[in-house]
Protein backbone atom coordinates (compact mmCIF):
# COMPACT_ATOMS: atom_id res chain seq x y z
CA UNK A 1 -2.79 2.15 -92.74
CA UNK A 2 -0.79 -0.33 -93.22
CA UNK A 3 1.14 0.19 -93.02
CA UNK A 4 0.59 1.88 -91.35
CA UNK A 5 0.21 -1.75 -91.26
CA UNK A 6 1.03 0.64 -90.94
CA UNK A 7 -3.14 2.83 -86.50
CA UNK A 8 -2.93 5.59 -88.93
CA UNK A 9 -5.30 8.03 -87.34
CA UNK A 10 -4.27 11.61 -86.78
CA UNK A 11 -1.68 11.28 -89.56
CA UNK A 12 -0.54 14.84 -89.46
CA UNK A 13 0.10 14.65 -85.73
CA UNK A 14 1.91 11.33 -86.20
CA UNK A 15 4.26 12.65 -88.81
CA UNK A 16 5.19 15.71 -86.73
CA UNK A 17 5.97 13.64 -83.64
CA UNK A 18 8.05 11.11 -85.61
CA UNK A 19 10.74 13.78 -85.92
CA UNK A 20 11.42 13.34 -82.19
CA UNK A 21 10.34 9.77 -81.22
CA UNK A 22 8.36 6.73 -82.17
CA UNK A 23 5.76 7.55 -79.50
CA UNK A 24 2.54 9.20 -80.72
CA UNK A 25 -0.22 10.90 -78.78
CA UNK A 26 -2.82 8.39 -80.11
CA UNK A 27 -2.56 4.59 -80.27
CA UNK A 28 -0.37 3.26 -83.08
CA UNK A 29 -1.89 -0.17 -83.87
CA UNK A 30 -1.02 -2.65 -86.61
CA UNK A 31 -4.76 -3.24 -86.99
CA UNK A 32 -6.82 -3.11 -89.09
CA UNK A 33 -5.20 -5.57 -91.52
CA UNK A 34 -2.37 -7.98 -90.79
CA UNK A 35 0.67 -6.00 -92.01
CA UNK A 36 3.20 -4.64 -89.50
CA UNK A 37 3.99 -0.93 -89.28
CA UNK A 38 7.60 0.16 -89.64
CA UNK A 39 7.31 2.22 -86.41
CA UNK A 40 7.25 0.95 -82.80
CA UNK A 41 4.79 1.83 -80.07
CA UNK A 42 7.32 3.94 -78.17
CA UNK A 43 9.30 3.26 -75.03
CA UNK A 44 7.42 2.10 -71.94
CA UNK A 45 4.18 1.55 -73.86
CA UNK A 46 2.51 -1.76 -73.47
CA UNK A 47 -0.07 -2.45 -76.22
CA UNK A 48 -2.55 -5.29 -76.74
CA UNK A 49 -4.33 -6.09 -80.05
CA UNK A 50 -7.12 -8.68 -80.30
CA UNK A 51 -9.29 -9.75 -83.17
CA UNK A 52 -11.93 -12.54 -82.93
CA UNK A 53 -12.95 -13.93 -86.34
CA UNK A 54 -15.19 -16.39 -88.07
CA UNK A 55 -13.82 -18.49 -90.97
CA UNK A 56 -15.38 -20.59 -93.73
CA UNK A 57 -13.39 -22.56 -96.33
CA UNK A 58 -14.65 -24.78 -99.17
CA UNK A 59 -12.61 -26.97 -101.44
CA UNK A 60 -14.48 -28.40 -104.49
CA UNK A 61 -12.15 -30.30 -106.78
CA UNK A 62 -10.39 -33.53 -105.94
CA UNK A 63 -10.58 -34.05 -102.17
CA UNK A 64 -13.63 -31.94 -101.25
CA UNK A 65 -14.08 -30.53 -97.78
CA UNK A 66 -15.61 -27.69 -95.81
CA UNK A 67 -14.24 -25.84 -92.82
CA UNK A 68 -16.41 -23.86 -90.40
CA UNK A 69 -15.00 -22.30 -87.28
CA UNK A 70 -13.75 -19.35 -85.34
CA UNK A 71 -10.55 -18.05 -83.94
CA UNK A 72 -8.71 -15.08 -82.51
CA UNK A 73 -5.69 -13.11 -83.62
CA UNK A 74 -3.67 -11.54 -80.78
CA UNK A 75 -0.56 -9.50 -80.26
CA UNK A 76 1.24 -7.93 -77.30
CA UNK A 77 3.82 -5.17 -78.06
CA UNK A 78 6.22 -3.30 -75.78
CA UNK A 79 8.70 -0.53 -76.47
CA UNK A 80 11.93 -1.14 -74.66
CA UNK A 81 15.21 0.83 -74.10
CA UNK A 82 15.28 2.68 -77.45
CA UNK A 83 12.46 4.39 -79.30
CA UNK A 84 13.24 2.35 -82.39
CA UNK A 85 12.99 -1.04 -80.59
CA UNK A 86 9.85 -3.06 -80.03
CA UNK A 87 9.45 -6.53 -78.51
CA UNK A 88 6.34 -8.49 -79.31
CA UNK A 89 4.53 -11.76 -79.09
CA UNK A 90 1.75 -12.53 -81.60
CA UNK A 91 -0.27 -15.48 -82.76
CA UNK A 92 -3.56 -16.89 -84.06
CA UNK A 93 -5.59 -19.61 -82.31
CA UNK A 94 -8.33 -21.36 -84.36
CA UNK A 95 -10.98 -23.97 -83.55
CA UNK A 96 -13.03 -25.46 -86.39
CA UNK A 97 -14.70 -28.55 -87.85
CA UNK A 98 -13.35 -29.91 -91.12
CA UNK A 99 -15.95 -32.01 -92.97
CA UNK A 100 -14.84 -34.16 -95.93
CA UNK A 101 -17.61 -34.45 -98.52
CA UNK A 102 -16.10 -36.63 -101.19
CA UNK A 103 -16.41 -40.41 -101.23
CA UNK A 104 -16.69 -41.39 -97.52
CA UNK A 105 -17.81 -38.53 -95.31
CA UNK A 106 -15.66 -37.80 -92.28
CA UNK A 107 -15.57 -35.09 -89.64
CA UNK A 108 -12.37 -33.76 -88.02
CA UNK A 109 -12.63 -31.40 -85.03
CA UNK A 110 -9.48 -29.27 -84.85
CA UNK A 111 -8.04 -26.70 -82.42
CA UNK A 112 -4.52 -25.26 -82.17
CA UNK A 113 -2.34 -22.25 -82.80
CA UNK A 114 -2.02 -21.47 -86.54
CA UNK A 115 1.14 -19.61 -85.51
CA UNK A 116 2.76 -18.37 -82.31
CA UNK A 117 5.77 -16.08 -82.63
CA UNK A 118 8.06 -14.07 -80.31
CA UNK A 119 10.26 -11.46 -81.89
CA UNK A 120 11.74 -7.97 -82.04
CA UNK A 121 11.46 -5.15 -84.52
CA UNK A 122 13.90 -2.33 -84.98
CA UNK A 123 13.55 0.91 -87.08
CA UNK A 124 16.75 1.24 -89.11
CA UNK A 125 15.78 4.25 -91.21
CA UNK A 126 13.35 7.11 -90.61
CA UNK A 127 13.04 9.66 -93.45
CA UNK A 128 10.93 11.94 -91.25
CA UNK A 129 13.64 12.30 -88.58
CA UNK A 130 14.99 15.63 -89.81
CA UNK A 131 11.79 16.88 -91.48
CA UNK A 132 11.44 19.66 -88.88
CA UNK A 133 14.39 21.40 -90.56
CA UNK A 134 12.46 21.91 -93.76
CA UNK A 135 11.05 25.45 -93.87
CA UNK A 136 8.08 26.57 -96.07
CA UNK A 137 8.57 29.09 -98.86
CA UNK A 138 6.98 32.39 -97.80
CA UNK A 139 6.72 33.59 -101.36
CA UNK A 140 5.56 30.61 -103.36
CA UNK A 141 2.33 28.64 -102.88
CA UNK A 142 3.45 26.31 -105.70
CA UNK A 143 6.75 25.51 -104.01
CA UNK A 144 4.94 24.55 -100.78
CA UNK A 145 2.33 22.33 -102.47
CA UNK A 146 4.32 20.62 -105.19
CA UNK A 147 5.04 16.91 -105.20
CA UNK A 148 8.14 15.98 -103.20
CA UNK A 149 10.19 13.01 -104.26
CA UNK A 150 11.22 12.56 -100.63
CA UNK A 151 7.73 11.25 -99.89
CA UNK A 152 8.55 8.19 -101.93
CA UNK A 153 11.32 7.20 -99.52
CA UNK A 154 9.85 4.88 -96.84
CA UNK A 155 10.70 4.29 -93.21
CA UNK A 156 12.31 0.86 -92.93
CA UNK A 157 12.40 -1.55 -90.08
CA UNK A 158 13.75 -5.14 -89.68
CA UNK A 159 12.25 -7.99 -87.69
CA UNK A 160 13.60 -11.24 -86.34
CA UNK A 161 11.65 -13.82 -84.36
CA UNK A 162 11.03 -17.47 -83.59
CA UNK A 163 7.90 -19.53 -84.28
CA UNK A 164 6.81 -22.29 -81.93
CA UNK A 165 4.74 -25.22 -83.33
CA UNK A 166 3.42 -28.12 -81.32
CA UNK A 167 3.68 -31.68 -82.45
CA UNK A 168 0.83 -32.93 -84.72
CA UNK A 169 -0.55 -29.42 -85.26
CA UNK A 170 -3.41 -29.80 -87.82
CA UNK A 171 -2.60 -26.36 -89.32
CA UNK A 172 1.03 -27.12 -90.19
CA UNK A 173 2.78 -29.51 -92.48
CA UNK A 174 3.46 -33.00 -91.17
CA UNK A 175 6.67 -33.17 -89.08
CA UNK A 176 6.75 -29.49 -88.18
CA UNK A 177 7.54 -29.21 -84.49
CA UNK A 178 9.42 -26.87 -82.13
CA UNK A 179 11.08 -23.60 -82.92
CA UNK A 180 11.83 -22.10 -86.38
CA UNK A 181 13.14 -18.64 -87.40
CA UNK A 182 11.15 -15.82 -88.97
CA UNK A 183 12.49 -12.63 -90.49
CA UNK A 184 10.78 -9.62 -92.10
CA UNK A 185 11.41 -6.24 -93.69
CA UNK A 186 8.65 -3.67 -93.12
CA UNK A 187 8.46 -0.34 -95.00
CA UNK A 188 6.01 2.54 -94.52
CA UNK A 189 5.28 5.57 -96.74
CA UNK A 190 3.39 8.44 -95.04
CA UNK A 191 1.90 10.18 -98.08
CA UNK A 192 0.01 13.44 -98.29
CA UNK A 193 -3.74 13.64 -97.92
CA UNK A 194 -4.01 11.03 -95.14
CA UNK A 195 -2.70 8.13 -97.23
CA UNK A 196 -0.26 5.54 -95.84
CA UNK A 197 1.28 2.60 -97.74
CA UNK A 198 2.88 -0.31 -95.85
CA UNK A 199 4.81 -3.22 -97.35
CA UNK A 200 5.95 -6.41 -95.51
CA UNK A 201 8.29 -9.05 -97.00
CA UNK A 202 8.39 -12.13 -94.81
CA UNK A 203 10.35 -15.42 -94.75
CA UNK A 204 8.62 -17.69 -92.30
CA UNK A 205 9.45 -21.13 -90.70
CA UNK A 206 12.90 -21.05 -92.21
CA UNK A 207 14.59 -24.45 -92.58
CA UNK A 208 11.37 -26.50 -92.28
CA UNK A 209 9.14 -28.29 -94.76
CA UNK A 210 6.72 -25.41 -94.50
CA UNK A 211 9.20 -22.59 -95.13
CA UNK A 212 7.17 -19.97 -96.98
CA UNK A 213 7.56 -16.47 -98.44
CA UNK A 214 4.87 -13.88 -97.86
CA UNK A 215 4.28 -10.33 -98.97
CA UNK A 216 1.60 -7.95 -97.57
CA UNK A 217 0.72 -4.62 -99.19
CA UNK A 218 -1.65 -2.32 -97.26
CA UNK A 219 -3.07 1.03 -98.35
CA UNK A 220 -4.76 3.06 -95.63
CA UNK A 221 -6.65 6.33 -95.80
CA UNK A 222 -7.70 8.35 -92.79
CA UNK A 223 -10.53 10.67 -93.98
CA UNK A 224 -11.28 12.10 -90.54
CA UNK A 225 -9.63 12.25 -87.08
CA UNK A 226 -11.71 9.29 -85.97
CA UNK A 227 -12.23 7.04 -89.05
CA UNK A 228 -9.84 5.06 -91.27
CA UNK A 229 -10.41 2.60 -94.17
CA UNK A 230 -7.96 0.19 -95.76
CA UNK A 231 -7.40 -2.32 -98.55
CA UNK A 232 -4.83 -5.07 -98.43
CA UNK A 233 -3.43 -8.00 -100.40
CA UNK A 234 -1.40 -10.85 -98.98
CA UNK A 235 0.48 -13.36 -101.05
CA UNK A 236 1.63 -16.71 -99.58
CA UNK A 237 3.90 -19.12 -101.41
CA UNK A 238 5.18 -22.49 -100.12
CA UNK A 239 4.96 -26.18 -100.96
CA UNK A 240 2.43 -26.64 -98.20
CA UNK A 241 0.06 -23.78 -98.97
CA UNK A 242 -0.22 -21.01 -101.56
CA UNK A 243 -2.83 -18.25 -101.77
CA UNK A 244 -3.58 -14.64 -102.61
CA UNK A 245 -5.83 -13.07 -99.94
CA UNK A 246 -7.66 -9.76 -100.06
CA UNK A 247 -8.91 -7.67 -97.14
CA UNK A 248 -11.05 -4.57 -96.82
CA UNK A 249 -12.29 -2.84 -93.78
CA UNK A 250 -11.94 0.08 -91.43
CA UNK A 251 -11.35 1.29 -87.90
CA UNK A 252 -12.62 3.80 -85.37
CA UNK A 253 -10.61 5.65 -82.82
CA UNK A 254 -12.72 5.45 -79.66
CA UNK A 255 -10.14 7.28 -77.54
CA UNK A 256 -6.45 8.07 -77.78
CA UNK A 257 -5.68 4.66 -76.22
CA UNK A 258 -8.47 2.50 -77.66
CA UNK A 259 -9.33 1.51 -81.22
CA UNK A 260 -12.01 -0.68 -82.77
CA UNK A 261 -11.88 -2.24 -86.22
CA UNK A 262 -13.45 -4.69 -88.61
CA UNK A 263 -12.46 -6.40 -91.86
CA UNK A 264 -13.50 -9.03 -94.36
CA UNK A 265 -10.99 -11.49 -95.90
CA UNK A 266 -11.48 -13.50 -99.10
CA UNK A 267 -9.69 -15.01 -102.10
CA UNK A 268 -10.59 -15.83 -105.73
CA UNK A 269 -9.79 -19.56 -105.92
CA UNK A 270 -11.56 -22.78 -104.86
CA UNK A 271 -8.62 -24.80 -103.60
CA UNK A 272 -9.92 -23.79 -101.10
CA UNK A 273 -12.12 -20.71 -101.21
CA UNK A 274 -11.71 -18.52 -98.11
CA UNK A 275 -14.16 -16.18 -96.37
CA UNK A 276 -13.40 -14.60 -93.05
CA UNK A 277 -14.97 -11.77 -91.02
CA UNK A 278 -13.31 -10.27 -87.93
CA UNK A 279 -13.91 -7.66 -85.32
CA UNK A 280 -10.92 -6.25 -83.55
CA UNK A 281 -9.73 -3.93 -80.80
CA UNK A 282 -6.46 -2.40 -79.70
CA UNK A 283 -5.64 -0.92 -76.27
CA UNK A 284 -2.47 0.54 -74.85
CA UNK A 285 -1.09 1.16 -71.35
CA UNK A 286 0.85 4.40 -71.79
CA UNK A 287 3.72 4.76 -69.36
CA UNK A 288 5.84 6.77 -71.78
CA UNK A 289 7.93 9.62 -70.41
CA UNK A 290 9.46 12.21 -72.73
CA UNK A 291 13.22 12.40 -72.66
CA UNK A 292 14.86 15.79 -72.23
CA UNK A 293 16.74 17.28 -75.15
CA UNK A 294 19.73 19.58 -75.08
CA UNK A 295 17.90 22.73 -74.05
CA UNK A 296 16.34 21.00 -71.03
CA UNK A 297 12.80 20.79 -72.47
CA UNK A 298 11.01 17.52 -73.10
CA UNK A 299 10.54 16.02 -76.46
CA UNK A 300 6.78 16.65 -76.30
CA UNK A 301 7.21 20.34 -75.34
CA UNK A 302 9.78 20.78 -78.10
CA UNK A 303 7.38 19.19 -80.58
CA UNK A 304 4.55 21.47 -79.53
CA UNK A 305 6.90 24.49 -79.80
CA UNK A 306 7.91 23.58 -83.32
CA UNK A 307 4.32 22.78 -84.31
CA UNK A 308 3.24 26.24 -83.07
CA UNK A 309 6.10 27.80 -84.98
CA UNK A 310 5.09 25.90 -88.10
CA UNK A 311 1.46 27.03 -87.62
CA UNK A 312 2.55 30.66 -87.36
CA UNK A 313 4.57 30.28 -90.58
CA UNK A 314 1.57 28.68 -92.26
CA UNK A 315 -0.60 31.63 -91.16
CA UNK A 316 1.89 34.00 -92.72
CA UNK A 317 1.84 32.06 -95.98
CA UNK A 318 -1.96 32.05 -96.11
CA UNK A 319 -2.09 35.76 -95.42
CA UNK A 320 0.46 36.40 -98.14
CA UNK A 321 -1.52 34.24 -100.60
CA UNK A 322 -4.76 36.11 -99.80
CA UNK A 323 -3.10 39.50 -100.37
CA UNK A 324 -1.38 38.24 -103.48
CA UNK A 325 -4.68 36.95 -104.87
CA UNK A 326 -6.51 40.26 -104.13
CA UNK A 327 -3.68 42.13 -105.84
CA UNK A 328 -3.95 40.05 -108.96
CA UNK A 329 -7.73 40.45 -108.99
CA UNK A 330 -7.37 44.27 -108.89
CA UNK A 331 -5.68 44.14 -112.29
CA UNK A 332 -8.48 42.20 -114.00
């Protein structure tokens, strides 16, 4: 989560349905965290993600100041035409008071978008696409549970978008105005045991005086069908601002279309120090319809059929293992 940037609930169900489409039976949110999942929301799914937050910054050396305020992160996502394609608009609006504490005290009330971006994401590689063809070994427990190198191969998507910055925005470098490009590569590993690892590599505001490079690494663990926890690190490097941020938090799946989450953000420096706390939610309007495959059945029905077939095979393996274990015990 996380990854998967990236929601990563019901991981086993998610992996099984990825073989047929991007759509999942439960909401697939980029929250908690700020990384972007490699997978889309699915065709004809409209999804909204919202996260109000409180922020406090303090800078002690040189020009000292304090920032106290609040804001909201938001995103709207829509799956269009192909399962792999997602259109989205996302941003962050903040309102705060910046108080200078060195020499002559001054107060600056600020409010604007920290960023506002419209873009599209496309899944270019899905390692789970043909996973339904892999059959379990009926005679070897070890073969079925050994580490598979294939799990190290991630799903990969590419993103292209455009930022819009207003003139005299207090959260951007001087002179930044209008549109600027943004590109990203997002990868996602769905590991065993409910673990998901998401990586984002971002080049933002390309061609401006605030062109920066960012990386986001998110590790998510779903330890029950309803609860997920995550840890995340975000690196930002530019002439205007550089930082290493850390986030920890979790989420709760209220229903298949609604998720709640919370997280805390901080860093380890004082130029400035950062502390943020947010509460978030994600909701989807699900108008997805399964496409028919060659035999006339829907993708969902075919997925259930293969899942039932897989379950029957698993039952055979478990019965074989039990009998094999009893046989070995009889010789002791």
